[in-house]
PDB file of N, CA and C in Angstrom:
ATOM      1  N   MET A   1     -22.166  -3.022 -79.828  1.00  0.00           N
ATOM      2  CA  MET A   1     -21.846  -1.682 -80.290  1.00  0.00           C
ATOM      3  C   MET A   1     -20.490  -1.702 -81.001  1.00  0.00           C
ATOM      4  N   CYS A   2     -20.238  -0.675 -81.781  1.00  0.00           N
ATOM      5  CA  CYS A   2     -19.017  -0.624 -82.581  1.00  0.00           C
ATOM      6  C   CYS A   2     -18.047   0.460 -82.127  1.00  0.00           C
ATOM      7  N   GLU A   3     -18.290   1.071 -80.988  1.00  0.00           N
ATOM      8  CA  GLU A   3     -17.401   2.129 -80.549  1.00  0.00           C
ATOM      9  C   GLU A   3     -16.068   1.544 -80.071  1.00  0.00           C
ATOM     10  N   SER A   4     -15.062   2.421 -80.012  1.00  0.00           N
ATOM     11  CA  SER A   4     -13.713   2.008 -79.644  1.00  0.00           C
ATOM     12  C   SER A   4     -13.184   2.865 -78.510  1.00  0.00           C
ATOM     13  N   SER A   5     -12.090   2.433 -77.936  1.00  0.00           N
ATOM     14  CA  SER A   5     -11.364   3.228 -76.950  1.00  0.00           C
ATOM     15  C   SER A   5     -10.147   3.828 -77.643  1.00  0.00           C
ATOM     16  N   ALA A   6      -9.833   5.092 -77.331  1.00  0.00           N
ATOM     17  CA  ALA A   6      -8.695   5.779 -77.948  1.00  0.00           C
ATOM     18  C   ALA A   6      -7.553   5.887 -76.945  1.00  0.00           C
ATOM     19  N   TYR A   7      -6.361   5.594 -77.428  1.00  0.00           N
ATOM     20  CA  TYR A   7      -5.142   5.645 -76.620  1.00  0.00           C
ATOM     21  C   TYR A   7      -4.147   6.552 -77.318  1.00  0.00           C
ATOM     22  N   ILE A   8      -3.323   7.253 -76.520  1.00  0.00           N
ATOM     23  CA  ILE A   8      -2.269   8.076 -77.107  1.00  0.00           C
ATOM     24  C   ILE A   8      -0.925   7.617 -76.570  1.00  0.00           C
ATOM     25  N   LEU A   9       0.051   7.562 -77.453  1.00  0.00           N
ATOM     26  CA  LEU A   9       1.404   7.162 -77.105  1.00  0.00           C
ATOM     27  C   LEU A   9       2.231   8.418 -76.871  1.00  0.00           C
ATOM     28  N   ARG A  10       2.719   8.569 -75.636  1.00  0.00           N
ATOM     29  CA  ARG A  10       3.570   9.702 -75.250  1.00  0.00           C
ATOM     30  C   ARG A  10       4.797   9.159 -74.521  1.00  0.00           C
ATOM     31  N   GLU A  11       5.955   9.476 -75.038  1.00  0.00           N
ATOM     32  CA  GLU A  11       7.220   9.073 -74.395  1.00  0.00           C
ATOM     33  C   GLU A  11       7.242   7.582 -74.079  1.00  0.00           C
ATOM     34  N   GLY A  12       6.769   6.769 -75.026  1.00  0.00           N
ATOM     35  CA  GLY A  12       6.807   5.326 -74.876  1.00  0.00           C
ATOM     36  C   GLY A  12       5.703   4.739 -74.017  1.00  0.00           C
ATOM     37  N   GLN A  13       4.827   5.561 -73.463  1.00  0.00           N
ATOM     38  CA  GLN A  13       3.737   5.091 -72.612  1.00  0.00           C
ATOM     39  C   GLN A  13       2.397   5.313 -73.298  1.00  0.00           C
ATOM     40  N   GLU A  14       1.549   4.301 -73.279  1.00  0.00           N
ATOM     41  CA  GLU A  14       0.226   4.412 -73.879  1.00  0.00           C
ATOM     42  C   GLU A  14      -0.788   4.777 -72.794  1.00  0.00           C
ATOM     43  N   GLU A  15      -1.605   5.802 -73.079  1.00  0.00           N
ATOM     44  CA  GLU A  15      -2.570   6.311 -72.106  1.00  0.00           C
ATOM     45  C   GLU A  15      -3.970   6.336 -72.728  1.00  0.00           C
ATOM     46  N   LEU A  16      -4.948   5.822 -72.001  1.00  0.00           N
ATOM     47  CA  LEU A  16      -6.333   5.875 -72.439  1.00  0.00           C
ATOM     48  C   LEU A  16      -6.811   7.321 -72.372  1.00  0.00           C
ATOM     49  N   ILE A  17      -7.325   7.855 -73.485  1.00  0.00           N
ATOM     50  CA  ILE A  17      -7.782   9.239 -73.475  1.00  0.00           C
ATOM     51  C   ILE A  17      -9.292   9.373 -73.659  1.00  0.00           C
ATOM     52  N   MET A  18      -9.937   8.352 -74.238  1.00  0.00           N
ATOM     53  CA  MET A  18     -11.391   8.411 -74.375  1.00  0.00           C
ATOM     54  C   MET A  18     -11.944   7.019 -74.628  1.00  0.00           C
ATOM     55  N   GLU A  19     -13.056   6.719 -73.970  1.00  0.00           N
ATOM     56  CA  GLU A  19     -13.773   5.478 -74.214  1.00  0.00           C
ATOM     57  C   GLU A  19     -15.004   5.772 -75.069  1.00  0.00           C
ATOM     58  N   SER A  20     -15.564   4.762 -75.652  1.00  0.00           N
ATOM     59  CA  SER A  20     -16.799   4.855 -76.438  1.00  0.00           C
ATOM     60  C   SER A  20     -16.702   5.860 -77.578  1.00  0.00           C
ATOM     61  N   VAL A  21     -15.560   5.860 -78.275  1.00  0.00           N
ATOM     62  CA  VAL A  21     -15.364   6.770 -79.410  1.00  0.00           C
ATOM     63  C   VAL A  21     -16.229   6.296 -80.574  1.00  0.00           C
ATOM     64  N   GLY A  22     -17.037   7.208 -81.089  1.00  0.00           N
ATOM     65  CA  GLY A  22     -17.907   6.901 -82.214  1.00  0.00           C
ATOM     66  C   GLY A  22     -17.398   7.455 -83.522  1.00  0.00           C
ATOM     67  N   SER A  23     -16.577   8.541 -83.451  1.00  0.00           N
ATOM     68  CA  SER A  23     -16.024   9.111 -84.685  1.00  0.00           C
ATOM     69  C   SER A  23     -14.668   9.731 -84.429  1.00  0.00           C
ATOM     70  N   LEU A  24     -13.875   9.751 -85.501  1.00  0.00           N
ATOM     71  CA  LEU A  24     -12.525  10.305 -85.487  1.00  0.00           C
ATOM     72  C   LEU A  24     -12.369  11.075 -86.795  1.00  0.00           C
ATOM     73  N   VAL A  25     -11.963  12.359 -86.686  1.00  0.00           N
ATOM     74  CA  VAL A  25     -11.831  13.195 -87.878  1.00  0.00           C
ATOM     75  C   VAL A  25     -10.493  13.930 -87.819  1.00  0.00           C
ATOM     76  N   PRO A  26      -9.620  13.777 -88.838  1.00  0.00           N
ATOM     77  CA  PRO A  26      -8.375  14.553 -88.885  1.00  0.00           C
ATOM     78  C   PRO A  26      -8.691  15.991 -89.315  1.00  0.00           C
ATOM     79  N   ILE A  27      -8.156  16.965 -88.547  1.00  0.00           N
ATOM     80  CA  ILE A  27      -8.387  18.378 -88.840  1.00  0.00           C
ATOM     81  C   ILE A  27      -7.077  19.141 -88.655  1.00  0.00           C
ATOM     82  N   ASP A  28      -6.476  19.596 -89.759  1.00  0.00           N
ATOM     83  CA  ASP A  28      -5.275  20.432 -89.717  1.00  0.00           C
ATOM     84  C   ASP A  28      -4.187  19.897 -88.794  1.00  0.00           C
ATOM     85  N   GLY A  29      -3.807  18.641 -88.971  1.00  0.00           N
ATOM     86  CA  GLY A  29      -2.724  18.064 -88.187  1.00  0.00           C
ATOM     87  C   GLY A  29      -3.120  17.635 -86.788  1.00  0.00           C
ATOM     88  N   LYS A  30      -4.391  17.695 -86.476  1.00  0.00           N
ATOM     89  CA  LYS A  30      -4.904  17.250 -85.187  1.00  0.00           C
ATOM     90  C   LYS A  30      -5.957  16.179 -85.434  1.00  0.00           C
ATOM     91  N   ILE A  31      -6.350  15.513 -84.374  1.00  0.00           N
ATOM     92  CA  ILE A  31      -7.373  14.482 -84.470  1.00  0.00           C
ATOM     93  C   ILE A  31      -8.527  14.882 -83.546  1.00  0.00           C
ATOM     94  N   ALA A  32      -9.717  14.993 -84.106  1.00  0.00           N
ATOM     95  CA  ALA A  32     -10.913  15.284 -83.317  1.00  0.00           C
ATOM     96  C   ALA A  32     -11.631  13.977 -83.030  1.00  0.00           C
ATOM     97  N   LEU A  33     -11.895  13.734 -81.747  1.00  0.00           N
ATOM     98  CA  LEU A  33     -12.599  12.531 -81.314  1.00  0.00           C
ATOM     99  C   LEU A  33     -13.950  12.930 -80.736  1.00  0.00           C
ATOM    100  N   ARG A  34     -14.957  12.094 -80.973  1.00  0.00           N
ATOM    101  CA  ARG A  34     -16.280  12.325 -80.380  1.00  0.00           C
ATOM    102  C   ARG A  34     -16.806  10.982 -79.877  1.00  0.00           C
ATOM    103  N   SER A  35     -17.245  10.982 -78.625  1.00  0.00           N
ATOM    104  CA  SER A  35     -17.804   9.751 -78.062  1.00  0.00           C
ATOM    105  C   SER A  35     -19.273   9.620 -78.450  1.00  0.00           C
ATOM    106  N   ILE A  36     -19.827   8.442 -78.236  1.00  0.00           N
ATOM    107  CA  ILE A  36     -21.237   8.218 -78.532  1.00  0.00           C
ATOM    108  C   ILE A  36     -22.126   8.984 -77.561  1.00  0.00           C
ATOM    109  N   PHE A  37     -21.534   9.547 -76.500  1.00  0.00           N
ATOM    110  CA  PHE A  37     -22.274  10.319 -75.509  1.00  0.00           C
ATOM    111  C   PHE A  37     -22.166  11.817 -75.752  1.00  0.00           C
ATOM    112  N   GLY A  38     -21.480  12.227 -76.849  1.00  0.00           N
ATOM    113  CA  GLY A  38     -21.350  13.636 -77.193  1.00  0.00           C
ATOM    114  C   GLY A  38     -20.107  14.319 -76.655  1.00  0.00           C
ATOM    115  N   GLU A  39     -19.288  13.622 -75.888  1.00  0.00           N
ATOM    116  CA  GLU A  39     -18.024  14.175 -75.388  1.00  0.00           C
ATOM    117  C   GLU A  39     -17.098  14.378 -76.579  1.00  0.00           C
ATOM    118  N   THR A  40     -16.383  15.502 -76.614  1.00  0.00           N
ATOM    119  CA  THR A  40     -15.443  15.769 -77.705  1.00  0.00           C
ATOM    120  C   THR A  40     -14.064  16.078 -77.157  1.00  0.00           C
ATOM    121  N   MET A  41     -13.068  15.828 -77.988  1.00  0.00           N
ATOM    122  CA  MET A  41     -11.674  16.079 -77.619  1.00  0.00           C
ATOM    123  C   MET A  41     -10.880  16.252 -78.901  1.00  0.00           C
ATOM    124  N   THR A  42      -9.949  17.198 -78.904  1.00  0.00           N
ATOM    125  CA  THR A  42      -9.026  17.374 -80.020  1.00  0.00           C
ATOM    126  C   THR A  42      -7.618  17.116 -79.509  1.00  0.00           C
ATOM    127  N   VAL A  43      -6.880  16.296 -80.243  1.00  0.00           N
ATOM    128  CA  VAL A  43      -5.559  15.850 -79.818  1.00  0.00           C
ATOM    129  C   VAL A  43      -4.525  16.263 -80.856  1.00  0.00           C
ATOM    130  N   ASP A  44      -3.395  16.787 -80.396  1.00  0.00           N
ATOM    131  CA  ASP A  44      -2.252  17.035 -81.280  1.00  0.00           C
ATOM    132  C   ASP A  44      -1.537  15.703 -81.456  1.00  0.00           C
ATOM    133  N   GLY A  45      -1.831  15.046 -82.556  1.00  0.00           N
ATOM    134  CA  GLY A  45      -1.243  13.735 -82.769  1.00  0.00           C
ATOM    135  C   GLY A  45      -1.516  13.211 -84.155  1.00  0.00           C
ATOM    136  N   VAL A  46      -0.955  12.046 -84.404  1.00  0.00           N
ATOM    137  CA  VAL A  46      -1.152  11.365 -85.680  1.00  0.00           C
ATOM    138  C   VAL A  46      -1.708   9.971 -85.409  1.00  0.00           C
ATOM    139  N   LEU A  47      -2.432   9.467 -86.358  1.00  0.00           N
ATOM    140  CA  LEU A  47      -3.031   8.150 -86.247  1.00  0.00           C
ATOM    141  C   LEU A  47      -1.975   7.077 -86.480  1.00  0.00           C
ATOM    142  N   ILE A  48      -1.884   6.123 -85.564  1.00  0.00           N
ATOM    143  CA  ILE A  48      -0.966   4.993 -85.710  1.00  0.00           C
ATOM    144  C   ILE A  48      -1.729   3.765 -86.199  1.00  0.00           C
ATOM    145  N   GLU A  49      -2.881   3.490 -85.570  1.00  0.00           N
ATOM    146  CA  GLU A  49      -3.594   2.257 -85.885  1.00  0.00           C
ATOM    147  C   GLU A  49      -5.063   2.381 -85.491  1.00  0.00           C
ATOM    148  N   VAL A  50      -5.927   1.778 -86.299  1.00  0.00           N
ATOM    149  CA  VAL A  50      -7.333   1.579 -85.941  1.00  0.00           C
ATOM    150  C   VAL A  50      -7.570   0.076 -86.018  1.00  0.00           C
ATOM    151  N   ASP A  51      -7.846  -0.527 -84.877  1.00  0.00           N
ATOM    152  CA  ASP A  51      -8.104  -1.959 -84.785  1.00  0.00           C
ATOM    153  C   ASP A  51      -9.615  -2.135 -84.623  1.00  0.00           C
ATOM    154  N   LEU A  52     -10.309  -2.412 -85.715  1.00  0.00           N
ATOM    155  CA  LEU A  52     -11.762  -2.509 -85.692  1.00  0.00           C
ATOM    156  C   LEU A  52     -12.249  -3.717 -84.899  1.00  0.00           C
ATOM    157  N   VAL A  53     -11.532  -4.819 -84.988  1.00  0.00           N
ATOM    158  CA  VAL A  53     -11.918  -6.021 -84.262  1.00  0.00           C
ATOM    159  C   VAL A  53     -11.666  -5.847 -82.762  1.00  0.00           C
ATOM    160  N   GLY A  54     -10.540  -5.230 -82.419  1.00  0.00           N
ATOM    161  CA  GLY A  54     -10.172  -5.026 -81.020  1.00  0.00           C
ATOM    162  C   GLY A  54     -10.753  -3.769 -80.404  1.00  0.00           C
ATOM    163  N   HIS A  55     -11.447  -2.955 -81.203  1.00  0.00           N
ATOM    164  CA  HIS A  55     -12.081  -1.717 -80.733  1.00  0.00           C
ATOM    165  C   HIS A  55     -11.065  -0.753 -80.096  1.00  0.00           C
ATOM    166  N   ARG A  56      -9.918  -0.601 -80.760  1.00  0.00           N
ATOM    167  CA  ARG A  56      -8.848   0.276 -80.258  1.00  0.00           C
ATOM    168  C   ARG A  56      -8.404   1.259 -81.334  1.00  0.00           C
ATOM    169  N   ILE A  57      -8.201   2.490 -80.911  1.00  0.00           N
ATOM    170  CA  ILE A  57      -7.619   3.529 -81.771  1.00  0.00           C
ATOM    171  C   ILE A  57      -6.331   3.952 -81.096  1.00  0.00           C
ATOM    172  N   ARG A  58      -5.218   3.904 -81.858  1.00  0.00           N
ATOM    173  CA  ARG A  58      -3.924   4.301 -81.290  1.00  0.00           C
ATOM    174  C   ARG A  58      -3.435   5.560 -82.009  1.00  0.00           C
ATOM    175  N   LEU A  59      -3.072   6.564 -81.209  1.00  0.00           N
ATOM    176  CA  LEU A  59      -2.543   7.827 -81.707  1.00  0.00           C
ATOM    177  C   LEU A  59      -1.154   8.040 -81.125  1.00  0.00           C
ATOM    178  N   LYS A  60      -0.354   8.856 -81.796  1.00  0.00           N
ATOM    179  CA  LYS A  60       0.963   9.234 -81.279  1.00  0.00           C
ATOM    180  C   LYS A  60       0.988  10.740 -81.099  1.00  0.00           C
ATOM    181  N   ALA A  61       1.358  11.186 -79.903  1.00  0.00           N
ATOM    182  CA  ALA A  61       1.434  12.626 -79.627  1.00  0.00           C
ATOM    183  C   ALA A  61       2.537  13.272 -80.453  1.00  0.00           C
ATOM    184  N   ILE A  62       2.281  14.499 -80.907  1.00  0.00           N
ATOM    185  CA  ILE A  62       3.322  15.249 -81.627  1.00  0.00           C
ATOM    186  C   ILE A  62       3.569  16.559 -80.916  1.00  0.00           C
TER     187      ILE A  62
END
């Protein structure tokens, strides 16, 4: 599978916020995440990195 895990960086600490992320969409300064299971989450943050080989998405809280 090609899904990734999403992490958010807050105050120097990285926290797992969602596993099995299938899509990521920027919306008005926020990031909308959707898992392959239909779970959704919107995060106040910016994209730092998408590592396709490592299956990791890194966001920074704002």
